[in-house]
Amino acid sequence: MNYMEEREQICDVCHKMWQQGWVAANDGNVSVKLPDGKFLATPTGISKSFVTPEKIVVVDSDGKLLEGLDGYRPSSEIKMHMRCYKERSDVGAVVHAHPATATGFAVAHLDLDRYTMIETVIAVGSIPVTPYGTPSTDEVPDAIAPYLPEHDVLLLANHGALTVGADLITAYYRMETLELYAKISLTARLLGGEVEIDHDNIKRLISMRKQYGVTGKHPGYKHYRR
């Protein structure tokens, strides 16, 4: 099977990321888990605006190339993607990008751990900054691994952002949510500071995830369950 529908969806997401300025040159990467245990991944060295279905490669669970056009291979960041799948059986897609405002927080080593915006509390919860890791090495996968059991959205120190989801659209939406939340948080700080939602209402919002059909993990399950 060539999984053309999944390939086209990856292209749609890549093009949207480029149009919104979340990636430049050959920045960013996207992967999707397939029913047969293989993975589709964007190739290295190509702008996300130029990605087409046939250029997407197939890799195994170790990130090794299984199928691809001549000269196309997965990004060295595939190690980060594979760690997400290994740590979380519920993850079906991973998105990595450099949205400007959110990445600004990552560069400043400032987390987005305050519960200040209703939609973000429900959708993703707090967003930590993971320790610095050199791209293409095991440092990045090792840095994110401790956060994956509770978080679907991560800021990568001095690097960018990472989101996971049960499917690609969910992972992409979480990147959108992250960037909008970062912009709102920055604006609130310029206006004098963020005001956090009170404990009881945070608990109520988190409990609403089920009725909205929100999948994935949430750090608030542990901290606001009482």
C-alpha atoms as a PDB file:
ATOM      1  CA  MET A   1       0.000   0.000   0.000  1.00  0.00           C
ATOM      2  CA  ASN A   2       1.254   3.510  -0.767  1.00  0.00           C
ATOM      3  CA  TYR A   3      -1.010   5.247   1.794  1.00  0.00           C
ATOM      4  CA  MET A   4      -1.736   8.127  -0.558  1.00  0.00           C
ATOM      5  CA  GLU A   5      -4.365   9.715   1.705  1.00  0.00           C
ATOM      6  CA  GLU A   6      -1.882   9.881   4.596  1.00  0.00           C
ATOM      7  CA  ARG A   7       0.829  11.232   2.298  1.00  0.00           C
ATOM      8  CA  GLU A   8      -1.472  13.979   1.046  1.00  0.00           C
ATOM      9  CA  GLN A   9      -2.442  14.908   4.589  1.00  0.00           C
ATOM     10  CA  ILE A  10       1.228  15.233   5.541  1.00  0.00           C
ATOM     11  CA  CYS A  11       1.698  17.549   2.558  1.00  0.00           C
ATOM     12  CA  ASP A  12      -1.284  19.666   3.630  1.00  0.00           C
ATOM     13  CA  VAL A  13       0.165  20.061   7.117  1.00  0.00           C
ATOM     14  CA  CYS A  14       3.642  20.862   5.784  1.00  0.00           C
ATOM     15  CA  HIS A  15       2.260  23.527   3.454  1.00  0.00           C
ATOM     16  CA  LYS A  16       0.198  25.084   6.262  1.00  0.00           C
ATOM     17  CA  MET A  17       3.250  25.223   8.534  1.00  0.00           C
ATOM     18  CA  TRP A  18       5.256  26.978   5.837  1.00  0.00           C
ATOM     19  CA  GLN A  19       2.441  29.414   5.025  1.00  0.00           C
ATOM     20  CA  GLN A  20       2.156  30.386   8.684  1.00  0.00           C
ATOM     21  CA  GLY A  21       5.889  30.981   8.970  1.00  0.00           C
ATOM     22  CA  TRP A  22       6.530  28.161  11.416  1.00  0.00           C
ATOM     23  CA  VAL A  23       9.376  26.808   9.279  1.00  0.00           C
ATOM     24  CA  ALA A  24      12.018  28.274   6.971  1.00  0.00           C
ATOM     25  CA  ALA A  25      14.368  26.643   4.476  1.00  0.00           C
ATOM     26  CA  ASN A  26      14.347  22.910   5.354  1.00  0.00           C
ATOM     27  CA  ASP A  27      13.221  23.371   8.984  1.00  0.00           C
ATOM     28  CA  GLY A  28      10.682  21.116  10.674  1.00  0.00           C
ATOM     29  CA  ASN A  29       9.509  17.576  10.141  1.00  0.00           C
ATOM     30  CA  VAL A  30       6.347  15.478  10.301  1.00  0.00           C
ATOM     31  CA  SER A  31       5.746  11.767  10.765  1.00  0.00           C
ATOM     32  CA  VAL A  32       2.730   9.447  10.892  1.00  0.00           C
ATOM     33  CA  LYS A  33       2.408   5.908  12.230  1.00  0.00           C
ATOM     34  CA  LEU A  34       0.892   3.415   9.797  1.00  0.00           C
ATOM     35  CA  PRO A  35      -1.333   0.420  10.629  1.00  0.00           C
ATOM     36  CA  ASP A  36       1.402  -2.011   9.521  1.00  0.00           C
ATOM     37  CA  GLY A  37       3.893  -0.653  12.051  1.00  0.00           C
ATOM     38  CA  LYS A  38       5.873   1.402   9.554  1.00  0.00           C
ATOM     39  CA  PHE A  39       6.024   5.202   9.496  1.00  0.00           C
ATOM     40  CA  LEU A  40       5.704   7.939   6.889  1.00  0.00           C
ATOM     41  CA  ALA A  41       8.125  10.842   7.372  1.00  0.00           C
ATOM     42  CA  THR A  42       9.072  14.047   5.611  1.00  0.00           C
ATOM     43  CA  PRO A  43      12.471  13.899   3.886  1.00  0.00           C
ATOM     44  CA  THR A  44      15.482  15.876   4.991  1.00  0.00           C
ATOM     45  CA  GLY A  45      16.872  18.871   3.103  1.00  0.00           C
ATOM     46  CA  ILE A  46      13.634  20.098   1.550  1.00  0.00           C
ATOM     47  CA  SER A  47      11.371  23.049   2.279  1.00  0.00           C
ATOM     48  CA  LYS A  48       7.993  22.044   3.638  1.00  0.00           C
ATOM     49  CA  SER A  49       6.482  24.165   0.870  1.00  0.00           C
ATOM     50  CA  PHE A  50       7.991  21.780  -1.703  1.00  0.00           C
ATOM     51  CA  VAL A  51       6.900  18.503  -0.116  1.00  0.00           C
ATOM     52  CA  THR A  52       4.766  16.332  -2.406  1.00  0.00           C
ATOM     53  CA  PRO A  53       3.288  12.862  -1.707  1.00  0.00           C
ATOM     54  CA  GLU A  54       5.895  10.902  -3.645  1.00  0.00           C
ATOM     55  CA  LYS A  55       8.787  12.609  -1.804  1.00  0.00           C
ATOM     56  CA  ILE A  56       7.659  11.313   1.591  1.00  0.00           C
ATOM     57  CA  VAL A  57       9.720   8.360   2.819  1.00  0.00           C
ATOM     58  CA  VAL A  58       8.834   5.194   4.726  1.00  0.00           C
ATOM     59  CA  VAL A  59      10.892   4.211   7.771  1.00  0.00           C
ATOM     60  CA  ASP A  60      10.863   1.436  10.357  1.00  0.00           C
ATOM     61  CA  SER A  61      10.523   1.792  14.127  1.00  0.00           C
ATOM     62  CA  ASP A  62      14.225   2.617  14.384  1.00  0.00           C
ATOM     63  CA  GLY A  63      13.922   5.407  11.845  1.00  0.00           C
ATOM     64  CA  LYS A  64      15.794   3.484   9.155  1.00  0.00           C
ATOM     65  CA  LEU A  65      14.823   4.113   5.539  1.00  0.00           C
ATOM     66  CA  LEU A  66      12.663   1.397   3.986  1.00  0.00           C
ATOM     67  CA  GLU A  67      11.242   3.151   0.931  1.00  0.00           C
ATOM     68  CA  GLY A  68      11.900   6.442  -0.819  1.00  0.00           C
ATOM     69  CA  LEU A  69      12.844   8.079  -4.086  1.00  0.00           C
ATOM     70  CA  ASP A  70      16.527   8.151  -4.971  1.00  0.00           C
ATOM     71  CA  GLY A  71      18.294  10.790  -2.906  1.00  0.00           C
ATOM     72  CA  TYR A  72      15.527  11.128  -0.337  1.00  0.00           C
ATOM     73  CA  ARG A  73      16.039  10.053   3.258  1.00  0.00           C
ATOM     74  CA  PRO A  74      14.444  10.883   6.612  1.00  0.00           C
ATOM     75  CA  SER A  75      15.539  13.822   8.718  1.00  0.00           C
ATOM     76  CA  SER A  76      18.171  13.217  11.382  1.00  0.00           C
ATOM     77  CA  GLU A  77      15.439  14.402  13.769  1.00  0.00           C
ATOM     78  CA  ILE A  78      13.629  11.110  13.153  1.00  0.00           C
ATOM     79  CA  LYS A  79      15.192   9.842  16.387  1.00  0.00           C
ATOM     80  CA  MET A  80      13.069  12.360  18.285  1.00  0.00           C
ATOM     81  CA  HIS A  81       9.933  11.174  16.499  1.00  0.00           C
ATOM     82  CA  MET A  82      10.668   7.511  17.143  1.00  0.00           C
ATOM     83  CA  ARG A  83      11.162   8.158  20.854  1.00  0.00           C
ATOM     84  CA  CYS A  84       7.662   9.641  21.002  1.00  0.00           C
ATOM     85  CA  TYR A  85       6.172   6.504  19.459  1.00  0.00           C
ATOM     86  CA  LYS A  86       8.202   4.203  21.697  1.00  0.00           C
ATOM     87  CA  GLU A  87       7.253   6.057  24.879  1.00  0.00           C
ATOM     88  CA  ARG A  88       3.578   6.494  23.950  1.00  0.00           C
ATOM     89  CA  SER A  89       1.557   3.738  22.292  1.00  0.00           C
ATOM     90  CA  ASP A  90      -1.331   6.195  21.838  1.00  0.00           C
ATOM     91  CA  VAL A  91       0.695   8.534  19.598  1.00  0.00           C
ATOM     92  CA  GLY A  92      -0.132   8.292  15.900  1.00  0.00           C
ATOM     93  CA  ALA A  93       1.644  11.403  14.606  1.00  0.00           C
ATOM     94  CA  VAL A  94       4.425  13.832  15.539  1.00  0.00           C
ATOM     95  CA  VAL A  95       4.955  17.423  14.382  1.00  0.00           C
ATOM     96  CA  HIS A  96       8.121  19.467  14.898  1.00  0.00           C
ATOM     97  CA  ALA A  97       8.298  23.130  13.898  1.00  0.00           C
ATOM     98  CA  HIS A  98       9.719  26.524  14.889  1.00  0.00           C
ATOM     99  CA  PRO A  99       6.674  28.797  15.384  1.00  0.00           C
ATOM    100  CA  ALA A 100       8.211  32.179  16.120  1.00  0.00           C
ATOM    101  CA  THR A 101       6.550  33.229  19.363  1.00  0.00           C
ATOM    102  CA  ALA A 102       6.546  29.807  20.977  1.00  0.00           C
ATOM    103  CA  THR A 103      10.161  29.294  19.922  1.00  0.00           C
ATOM    104  CA  GLY A 104      10.956  32.669  21.469  1.00  0.00           C
ATOM    105  CA  PHE A 105       9.835  31.241  24.803  1.00  0.00           C
ATOM    106  CA  ALA A 106      11.966  28.145  24.156  1.00  0.00           C
ATOM    107  CA  VAL A 107      15.010  30.305  23.362  1.00  0.00           C
ATOM    108  CA  ALA A 108      14.425  32.329  26.531  1.00  0.00           C
ATOM    109  CA  HIS A 109      13.972  29.080  28.494  1.00  0.00           C
ATOM    110  CA  LEU A 110      10.567  30.287  29.639  1.00  0.00           C
ATOM    111  CA  ASP A 111       7.895  27.642  30.014  1.00  0.00           C
ATOM    112  CA  LEU A 112       4.181  28.123  29.427  1.00  0.00           C
ATOM    113  CA  ASP A 113       3.203  26.360  32.615  1.00  0.00           C
ATOM    114  CA  ARG A 114       0.504  28.719  33.852  1.00  0.00           C
ATOM    115  CA  TYR A 115      -3.194  27.891  33.416  1.00  0.00           C
ATOM    116  CA  THR A 116      -4.413  31.205  32.055  1.00  0.00           C
ATOM    117  CA  MET A 117      -6.448  30.499  28.905  1.00  0.00           C
ATOM    118  CA  ILE A 118      -9.583  28.333  28.954  1.00  0.00           C
ATOM    119  CA  GLU A 119      -9.056  26.615  25.597  1.00  0.00           C
ATOM    120  CA  THR A 120      -5.416  25.809  26.332  1.00  0.00           C
ATOM    121  CA  VAL A 121      -6.232  24.393  29.762  1.00  0.00           C
ATOM    122  CA  ILE A 122      -8.661  21.963  28.137  1.00  0.00           C
ATOM    123  CA  ALA A 123      -6.611  21.121  25.063  1.00  0.00           C
ATOM    124  CA  VAL A 124      -3.036  20.726  26.301  1.00  0.00           C
ATOM    125  CA  GLY A 125      -2.466  21.928  29.861  1.00  0.00           C
ATOM    126  CA  SER A 126       0.902  23.278  30.938  1.00  0.00           C
ATOM    127  CA  ILE A 127       3.782  23.347  28.454  1.00  0.00           C
ATOM    128  CA  PRO A 128       7.326  22.778  29.753  1.00  0.00           C
ATOM    129  CA  VAL A 129      10.716  23.605  28.263  1.00  0.00           C
ATOM    130  CA  THR A 130      12.776  20.437  27.869  1.00  0.00           C
ATOM    131  CA  PRO A 131      16.576  20.486  28.414  1.00  0.00           C
ATOM    132  CA  TYR A 132      18.906  21.447  25.585  1.00  0.00           C
ATOM    133  CA  GLY A 133      19.927  18.703  23.168  1.00  0.00           C
ATOM    134  CA  THR A 134      22.052  18.745  20.035  1.00  0.00           C
ATOM    135  CA  PRO A 135      19.925  17.936  16.954  1.00  0.00           C
ATOM    136  CA  SER A 136      20.489  14.575  15.241  1.00  0.00           C
ATOM    137  CA  THR A 137      21.928  13.061  18.433  1.00  0.00           C
ATOM    138  CA  ASP A 138      20.270  10.993  21.149  1.00  0.00           C
ATOM    139  CA  GLU A 139      20.413  14.055  23.393  1.00  0.00           C
ATOM    140  CA  VAL A 140      17.081  15.377  22.126  1.00  0.00           C
ATOM    141  CA  PRO A 141      15.152  12.084  22.467  1.00  0.00           C
ATOM    142  CA  ASP A 142      16.649  11.603  25.935  1.00  0.00           C
ATOM    143  CA  ALA A 143      15.704  15.173  26.891  1.00  0.00           C
ATOM    144  CA  ILE A 144      12.045  14.844  25.910  1.00  0.00           C
ATOM    145  CA  ALA A 145      11.424  11.311  27.179  1.00  0.00           C
ATOM    146  CA  PRO A 146      10.744  12.248  30.838  1.00  0.00           C
ATOM    147  CA  TYR A 147       8.028  14.704  29.765  1.00  0.00           C
ATOM    148  CA  LEU A 148       6.125  12.474  27.343  1.00  0.00           C
ATOM    149  CA  PRO A 149       4.118  10.512  29.953  1.00  0.00           C
ATOM    150  CA  GLU A 150       2.191  13.684  30.872  1.00  0.00           C
ATOM    151  CA  HIS A 151       2.605  16.143  28.002  1.00  0.00           C
ATOM    152  CA  ASP A 152       1.487  16.286  24.363  1.00  0.00           C
ATOM    153  CA  VAL A 153       3.136  19.664  23.718  1.00  0.00           C
ATOM    154  CA  LEU A 154       6.766  20.522  24.454  1.00  0.00           C
ATOM    155  CA  LEU A 155       9.048  23.491  23.989  1.00  0.00           C
ATOM    156  CA  LEU A 156      12.574  22.395  23.035  1.00  0.00           C
ATOM    157  CA  ALA A 157      15.227  24.615  24.613  1.00  0.00           C
ATOM    158  CA  ASN A 158      16.929  26.846  21.997  1.00  0.00           C
ATOM    159  CA  HIS A 159      15.281  24.818  19.271  1.00  0.00           C
ATOM    160  CA  GLY A 160      11.533  24.916  18.649  1.00  0.00           C
ATOM    161  CA  ALA A 161       8.413  22.961  19.528  1.00  0.00           C
ATOM    162  CA  LEU A 162       7.134  19.403  19.396  1.00  0.00           C
ATOM    163  CA  THR A 163       3.553  18.140  19.444  1.00  0.00           C
ATOM    164  CA  VAL A 164       2.099  14.638  19.386  1.00  0.00           C
ATOM    165  CA  GLY A 165      -1.398  13.353  18.742  1.00  0.00           C
ATOM    166  CA  ALA A 166      -3.489  10.277  18.114  1.00  0.00           C
ATOM    167  CA  ASP A 167      -3.555  11.416  14.487  1.00  0.00           C
ATOM    168  CA  LEU A 168      -1.836  14.041  12.365  1.00  0.00           C
ATOM    169  CA  ILE A 169      -4.574  16.660  12.475  1.00  0.00           C
ATOM    170  CA  THR A 170      -4.638  16.502  16.274  1.00  0.00           C
ATOM    171  CA  ALA A 171      -0.867  16.948  16.444  1.00  0.00           C
ATOM    172  CA  TYR A 172      -1.083  19.854  13.997  1.00  0.00           C
ATOM    173  CA  TYR A 173      -3.912  21.533  15.920  1.00  0.00           C
ATOM    174  CA  ARG A 174      -1.822  21.340  19.076  1.00  0.00           C
ATOM    175  CA  MET A 175       0.960  23.235  17.338  1.00  0.00           C
ATOM    176  CA  GLU A 176      -1.582  25.900  16.348  1.00  0.00           C
ATOM    177  CA  THR A 177      -2.847  26.056  19.926  1.00  0.00           C
ATOM    178  CA  LEU A 178       0.699  26.392  21.244  1.00  0.00           C
ATOM    179  CA  GLU A 179       1.611  29.290  18.982  1.00  0.00           C
ATOM    180  CA  LEU A 180      -1.607  31.216  19.648  1.00  0.00           C
ATOM    181  CA  TYR A 181      -1.205  30.663  23.384  1.00  0.00           C
ATOM    182  CA  ALA A 182       2.393  31.900  23.222  1.00  0.00           C
ATOM    183  CA  LYS A 183       1.272  35.072  21.428  1.00  0.00           C
ATOM    184  CA  ILE A 184      -1.499  35.697  23.966  1.00  0.00           C
ATOM    185  CA  SER A 185       0.859  35.033  26.889  1.00  0.00           C
ATOM    186  CA  LEU A 186       3.433  37.451  25.502  1.00  0.00           C
ATOM    187  CA  THR A 187       0.765  40.131  25.029  1.00  0.00           C
ATOM    188  CA  ALA A 188      -0.574  39.582  28.571  1.00  0.00           C
ATOM    189  CA  ARG A 189       2.928  39.980  29.978  1.00  0.00           C
ATOM    190  CA  LEU A 190       3.380  43.219  28.076  1.00  0.00           C
ATOM    191  CA  LEU A 191       0.085  44.440  29.534  1.00  0.00           C
ATOM    192  CA  GLY A 192       1.168  43.812  33.091  1.00  0.00           C
ATOM    193  CA  GLY A 193       1.044  40.086  33.649  1.00  0.00           C
ATOM    194  CA  GLU A 194      -1.025  36.941  33.299  1.00  0.00           C
ATOM    195  CA  VAL A 195      -3.801  36.086  35.738  1.00  0.00           C
ATOM    196  CA  GLU A 196      -4.165  32.373  36.366  1.00  0.00           C
ATOM    197  CA  ILE A 197      -7.554  30.668  36.538  1.00  0.00           C
ATOM    198  CA  ASP A 198      -8.449  29.525  40.057  1.00  0.00           C
ATOM    199  CA  HIS A 199      -7.903  25.908  41.140  1.00  0.00           C
ATOM    200  CA  ASP A 200     -11.548  24.798  41.133  1.00  0.00           C
ATOM    201  CA  ASN A 201     -12.201  26.123  37.649  1.00  0.00           C
ATOM    202  CA  ILE A 202      -9.010  24.567  36.324  1.00  0.00           C
ATOM    203  CA  LYS A 203     -10.240  21.233  37.691  1.00  0.00           C
ATOM    204  CA  ARG A 204     -13.629  21.745  36.011  1.00  0.00           C
ATOM    205  CA  LEU A 205     -12.026  22.586  32.670  1.00  0.00           C
ATOM    206  CA  ILE A 206      -9.781  19.519  32.738  1.00  0.00           C
ATOM    207  CA  SER A 207     -12.788  17.317  33.527  1.00  0.00           C
ATOM    208  CA  MET A 208     -14.459  18.632  30.356  1.00  0.00           C
ATOM    209  CA  ARG A 209     -11.847  16.988  28.121  1.00  0.00           C
ATOM    210  CA  LYS A 210     -13.833  13.749  28.083  1.00  0.00           C
ATOM    211  CA  GLN A 211     -17.087  15.343  26.917  1.00  0.00           C
ATOM    212  CA  TYR A 212     -15.188  17.153  24.156  1.00  0.00           C
ATOM    213  CA  GLY A 213     -13.490  13.934  23.077  1.00  0.00           C
ATOM    214  CA  VAL A 214      -9.976  15.268  23.703  1.00  0.00           C
ATOM    215  CA  THR A 215      -7.400  12.484  23.443  1.00  0.00           C
ATOM    216  CA  GLY A 216      -3.876  12.263  24.786  1.00  0.00           C
ATOM    217  CA  LYS A 217      -2.180  13.109  28.064  1.00  0.00           C
ATOM    218  CA  HIS A 218      -2.631  16.085  30.379  1.00  0.00           C
ATOM    219  CA  PRO A 219      -0.352  17.063  33.286  1.00  0.00           C
ATOM    220  CA  GLY A 220      -3.348  18.387  35.181  1.00  0.00           C
ATOM    221  CA  TYR A 221      -4.773  14.889  35.677  1.00  0.00           C
ATOM    222  CA  LYS A 222      -2.276  14.390  38.469  1.00  0.00           C
ATOM    223  CA  HIS A 223      -2.131  17.900  39.906  1.00  0.00           C
ATOM    224  CA  TYR A 224      -5.843  18.824  39.803  1.00  0.00           C
ATOM    225  CA  ARG A 225      -7.612  15.525  40.375  1.00  0.00           C
ATOM    226  CA  ARG A 226      -8.650  16.499  43.892  1.00  0.00           C
END
